[in-house]
N, C-alpha and C. Protein backbone atom coordinates (compact mmCIF):
# COMPACT_ATOMS: atom_id res chain seq x y z
N MET A 1 120.72 59.57 -287.89
CA MET A 1 121.19 58.87 -286.74
C MET A 1 120.81 57.41 -286.90
N SER A 2 121.74 56.53 -286.65
CA SER A 2 121.48 55.09 -286.70
C SER A 2 121.89 54.45 -285.38
N ILE A 3 121.01 53.65 -284.83
CA ILE A 3 121.25 52.95 -283.57
C ILE A 3 120.88 51.49 -283.79
N ALA A 4 121.62 50.59 -283.16
CA ALA A 4 121.49 49.16 -283.44
C ALA A 4 120.10 48.59 -283.20
N SER A 5 119.38 49.07 -282.18
CA SER A 5 118.07 48.47 -281.88
C SER A 5 117.16 49.48 -281.19
N VAL A 6 115.89 49.14 -281.11
CA VAL A 6 114.92 49.98 -280.41
C VAL A 6 115.32 50.08 -278.94
N GLY A 7 115.73 48.97 -278.34
CA GLY A 7 116.16 48.98 -276.95
C GLY A 7 117.33 49.91 -276.71
N ASP A 8 118.31 49.88 -277.62
CA ASP A 8 119.46 50.78 -277.49
C ASP A 8 119.04 52.24 -277.63
N ALA A 9 118.11 52.51 -278.54
CA ALA A 9 117.63 53.88 -278.72
C ALA A 9 116.90 54.36 -277.47
N LEU A 10 116.08 53.49 -276.88
CA LEU A 10 115.37 53.85 -275.67
C LEU A 10 116.35 54.12 -274.52
N THR A 11 117.35 53.27 -274.39
CA THR A 11 118.36 53.46 -273.35
C THR A 11 119.07 54.80 -273.53
N MET A 12 119.41 55.12 -274.77
CA MET A 12 120.07 56.40 -275.03
C MET A 12 119.17 57.55 -274.60
N MET A 13 117.89 57.46 -274.92
CA MET A 13 116.96 58.53 -274.55
C MET A 13 116.83 58.63 -273.04
N GLN A 14 116.80 57.50 -272.36
CA GLN A 14 116.65 57.50 -270.91
C GLN A 14 117.89 58.06 -270.21
N GLU A 15 119.05 57.79 -270.77
CA GLU A 15 120.29 58.18 -270.11
C GLU A 15 120.85 59.52 -270.56
N ALA A 16 120.61 59.90 -271.81
CA ALA A 16 121.29 61.07 -272.35
C ALA A 16 120.38 62.28 -272.56
N PHE A 17 119.11 62.07 -272.69
CA PHE A 17 118.20 63.18 -273.00
C PHE A 17 117.47 63.62 -271.74
N GLY A 18 118.04 64.55 -271.02
CA GLY A 18 117.47 65.03 -269.77
C GLY A 18 116.07 65.58 -269.90
N ALA A 19 115.73 66.11 -271.06
CA ALA A 19 114.39 66.67 -271.25
C ALA A 19 113.31 65.61 -271.09
N TYR A 20 113.57 64.41 -271.59
CA TYR A 20 112.59 63.32 -271.42
C TYR A 20 112.45 62.96 -269.96
N ARG A 21 113.57 62.84 -269.26
CA ARG A 21 113.51 62.50 -267.84
C ARG A 21 112.77 63.58 -267.06
N ALA A 22 113.00 64.84 -267.41
CA ALA A 22 112.34 65.94 -266.71
C ALA A 22 110.83 65.90 -266.90
N VAL A 23 110.38 65.60 -268.10
CA VAL A 23 108.95 65.54 -268.38
C VAL A 23 108.29 64.41 -267.59
N LEU A 24 109.00 63.32 -267.40
CA LEU A 24 108.43 62.15 -266.73
C LEU A 24 108.71 62.13 -265.23
N ALA A 25 109.48 63.07 -264.73
CA ALA A 25 109.95 63.05 -263.35
C ALA A 25 108.83 63.04 -262.31
N ASP A 26 107.73 63.71 -262.58
CA ASP A 26 106.65 63.81 -261.60
C ASP A 26 105.70 62.62 -261.61
N LEU A 27 105.92 61.69 -262.52
CA LEU A 27 105.05 60.51 -262.59
C LEU A 27 105.50 59.47 -261.57
N ASP A 28 104.54 58.68 -261.06
CA ASP A 28 104.93 57.58 -260.19
C ASP A 28 105.57 56.49 -261.05
N ASP A 29 106.19 55.51 -260.44
CA ASP A 29 106.95 54.48 -261.17
C ASP A 29 106.10 53.77 -262.22
N GLU A 30 104.87 53.44 -261.87
CA GLU A 30 104.00 52.71 -262.81
C GLU A 30 103.69 53.55 -264.04
N LYS A 31 103.32 54.80 -263.83
CA LYS A 31 102.99 55.68 -264.96
C LYS A 31 104.24 55.99 -265.78
N ARG A 32 105.38 56.11 -265.12
CA ARG A 32 106.64 56.36 -265.84
C ARG A 32 106.97 55.17 -266.74
N ASP A 33 106.79 53.96 -266.23
CA ASP A 33 107.03 52.76 -267.04
C ASP A 33 106.10 52.72 -268.25
N VAL A 34 104.84 53.08 -268.05
CA VAL A 34 103.89 53.12 -269.16
C VAL A 34 104.35 54.14 -270.20
N ALA A 35 104.77 55.31 -269.74
CA ALA A 35 105.23 56.36 -270.66
C ALA A 35 106.44 55.89 -271.46
N TRP A 36 107.45 55.29 -270.78
CA TRP A 36 108.64 54.81 -271.50
C TRP A 36 108.26 53.72 -272.50
N ASN A 37 107.29 52.87 -272.17
CA ASN A 37 106.85 51.85 -273.13
C ASN A 37 106.18 52.49 -274.34
N GLU A 38 105.43 53.56 -274.13
CA GLU A 38 104.82 54.27 -275.26
C GLU A 38 105.90 54.91 -276.13
N ILE A 39 106.93 55.47 -275.49
CA ILE A 39 108.04 56.05 -276.24
C ILE A 39 108.75 54.96 -277.04
N LYS A 40 108.96 53.80 -276.42
CA LYS A 40 109.60 52.67 -277.11
C LYS A 40 108.77 52.27 -278.33
N ASP A 41 107.45 52.22 -278.19
CA ASP A 41 106.59 51.89 -279.33
C ASP A 41 106.74 52.91 -280.45
N CYS A 42 106.85 54.18 -280.08
CA CYS A 42 107.04 55.23 -281.10
C CYS A 42 108.38 55.08 -281.81
N ILE A 43 109.43 54.75 -281.06
CA ILE A 43 110.74 54.53 -281.67
C ILE A 43 110.67 53.40 -282.68
N GLY A 44 109.85 52.40 -282.40
CA GLY A 44 109.73 51.23 -283.27
C GLY A 44 109.36 51.57 -284.70
N GLN A 45 108.69 52.68 -284.91
CA GLN A 45 108.30 53.05 -286.28
C GLN A 45 109.51 53.42 -287.14
N PHE A 46 110.66 53.67 -286.49
CA PHE A 46 111.88 54.00 -287.21
C PHE A 46 112.83 52.81 -287.31
N SER A 47 112.35 51.64 -286.91
CA SER A 47 113.19 50.44 -286.87
C SER A 47 113.06 49.63 -288.16
N GLY A 48 114.19 49.11 -288.60
CA GLY A 48 114.22 48.25 -289.77
C GLY A 48 115.33 47.23 -289.61
N GLN A 49 115.73 46.61 -290.71
CA GLN A 49 116.77 45.58 -290.64
C GLN A 49 118.10 46.13 -290.14
N GLY A 50 118.37 47.38 -290.41
CA GLY A 50 119.64 47.98 -290.00
C GLY A 50 119.60 48.62 -288.64
N GLY A 51 118.52 48.43 -287.90
CA GLY A 51 118.37 49.05 -286.59
C GLY A 51 117.41 50.22 -286.67
N VAL A 52 117.60 51.17 -285.81
CA VAL A 52 116.76 52.36 -285.76
C VAL A 52 117.47 53.48 -286.50
N SER A 53 116.75 54.11 -287.42
CA SER A 53 117.35 55.17 -288.21
C SER A 53 116.35 56.31 -288.34
N ALA A 54 116.83 57.52 -288.09
CA ALA A 54 115.96 58.70 -288.21
C ALA A 54 116.80 59.90 -288.61
N ASP A 55 116.22 60.76 -289.41
CA ASP A 55 116.86 62.03 -289.73
C ASP A 55 116.67 62.96 -288.55
N MET A 56 117.74 63.58 -288.15
CA MET A 56 117.69 64.48 -287.01
C MET A 56 118.49 65.74 -287.31
N THR A 57 118.10 66.80 -286.66
CA THR A 57 118.86 68.04 -286.73
C THR A 57 119.16 68.47 -285.31
N PHE A 58 120.42 68.70 -285.04
CA PHE A 58 120.83 69.22 -283.74
C PHE A 58 121.27 70.66 -283.94
N LEU A 59 120.75 71.53 -283.14
CA LEU A 59 121.14 72.93 -283.19
C LEU A 59 122.00 73.22 -281.97
N LEU A 60 123.19 73.69 -282.22
CA LEU A 60 124.10 74.06 -281.15
C LEU A 60 124.32 75.56 -281.21
N ALA A 61 124.33 76.18 -280.07
CA ALA A 61 124.54 77.62 -280.02
C ALA A 61 125.37 77.97 -278.79
N SER A 62 126.02 79.09 -278.89
CA SER A 62 126.73 79.61 -277.73
C SER A 62 126.59 81.12 -277.73
N GLY A 63 126.87 81.71 -276.62
CA GLY A 63 126.77 83.16 -276.54
C GLY A 63 127.52 83.67 -275.32
N THR A 64 127.64 84.94 -275.26
CA THR A 64 128.28 85.60 -274.13
C THR A 64 127.45 86.80 -273.72
N ASN A 65 127.62 87.21 -272.50
CA ASN A 65 127.00 88.44 -272.04
C ASN A 65 127.88 89.61 -272.46
N PRO A 66 127.30 90.63 -273.05
CA PRO A 66 128.12 91.79 -273.42
C PRO A 66 128.62 92.49 -272.15
N PRO A 67 129.80 93.07 -272.20
CA PRO A 67 130.31 93.79 -271.02
C PRO A 67 129.41 94.99 -270.72
N ASN A 68 129.28 95.29 -269.45
CA ASN A 68 128.46 96.43 -269.05
C ASN A 68 129.18 97.73 -269.24
């Protein structure tokens, strides 16, 4: 995955990854801001001249309930 900047990667995580929002949902605004800044710092380790780049694996699955 390649994203233009650390800021863009953070925005994507804030807007598209509900799991991150859920984990931070119970924090007050100040603690949530601190947590997002820590996440931004972690994203920075994947940043270079070409933006943010990381190897990722997405697992997609589907299923159905068997008829009774």
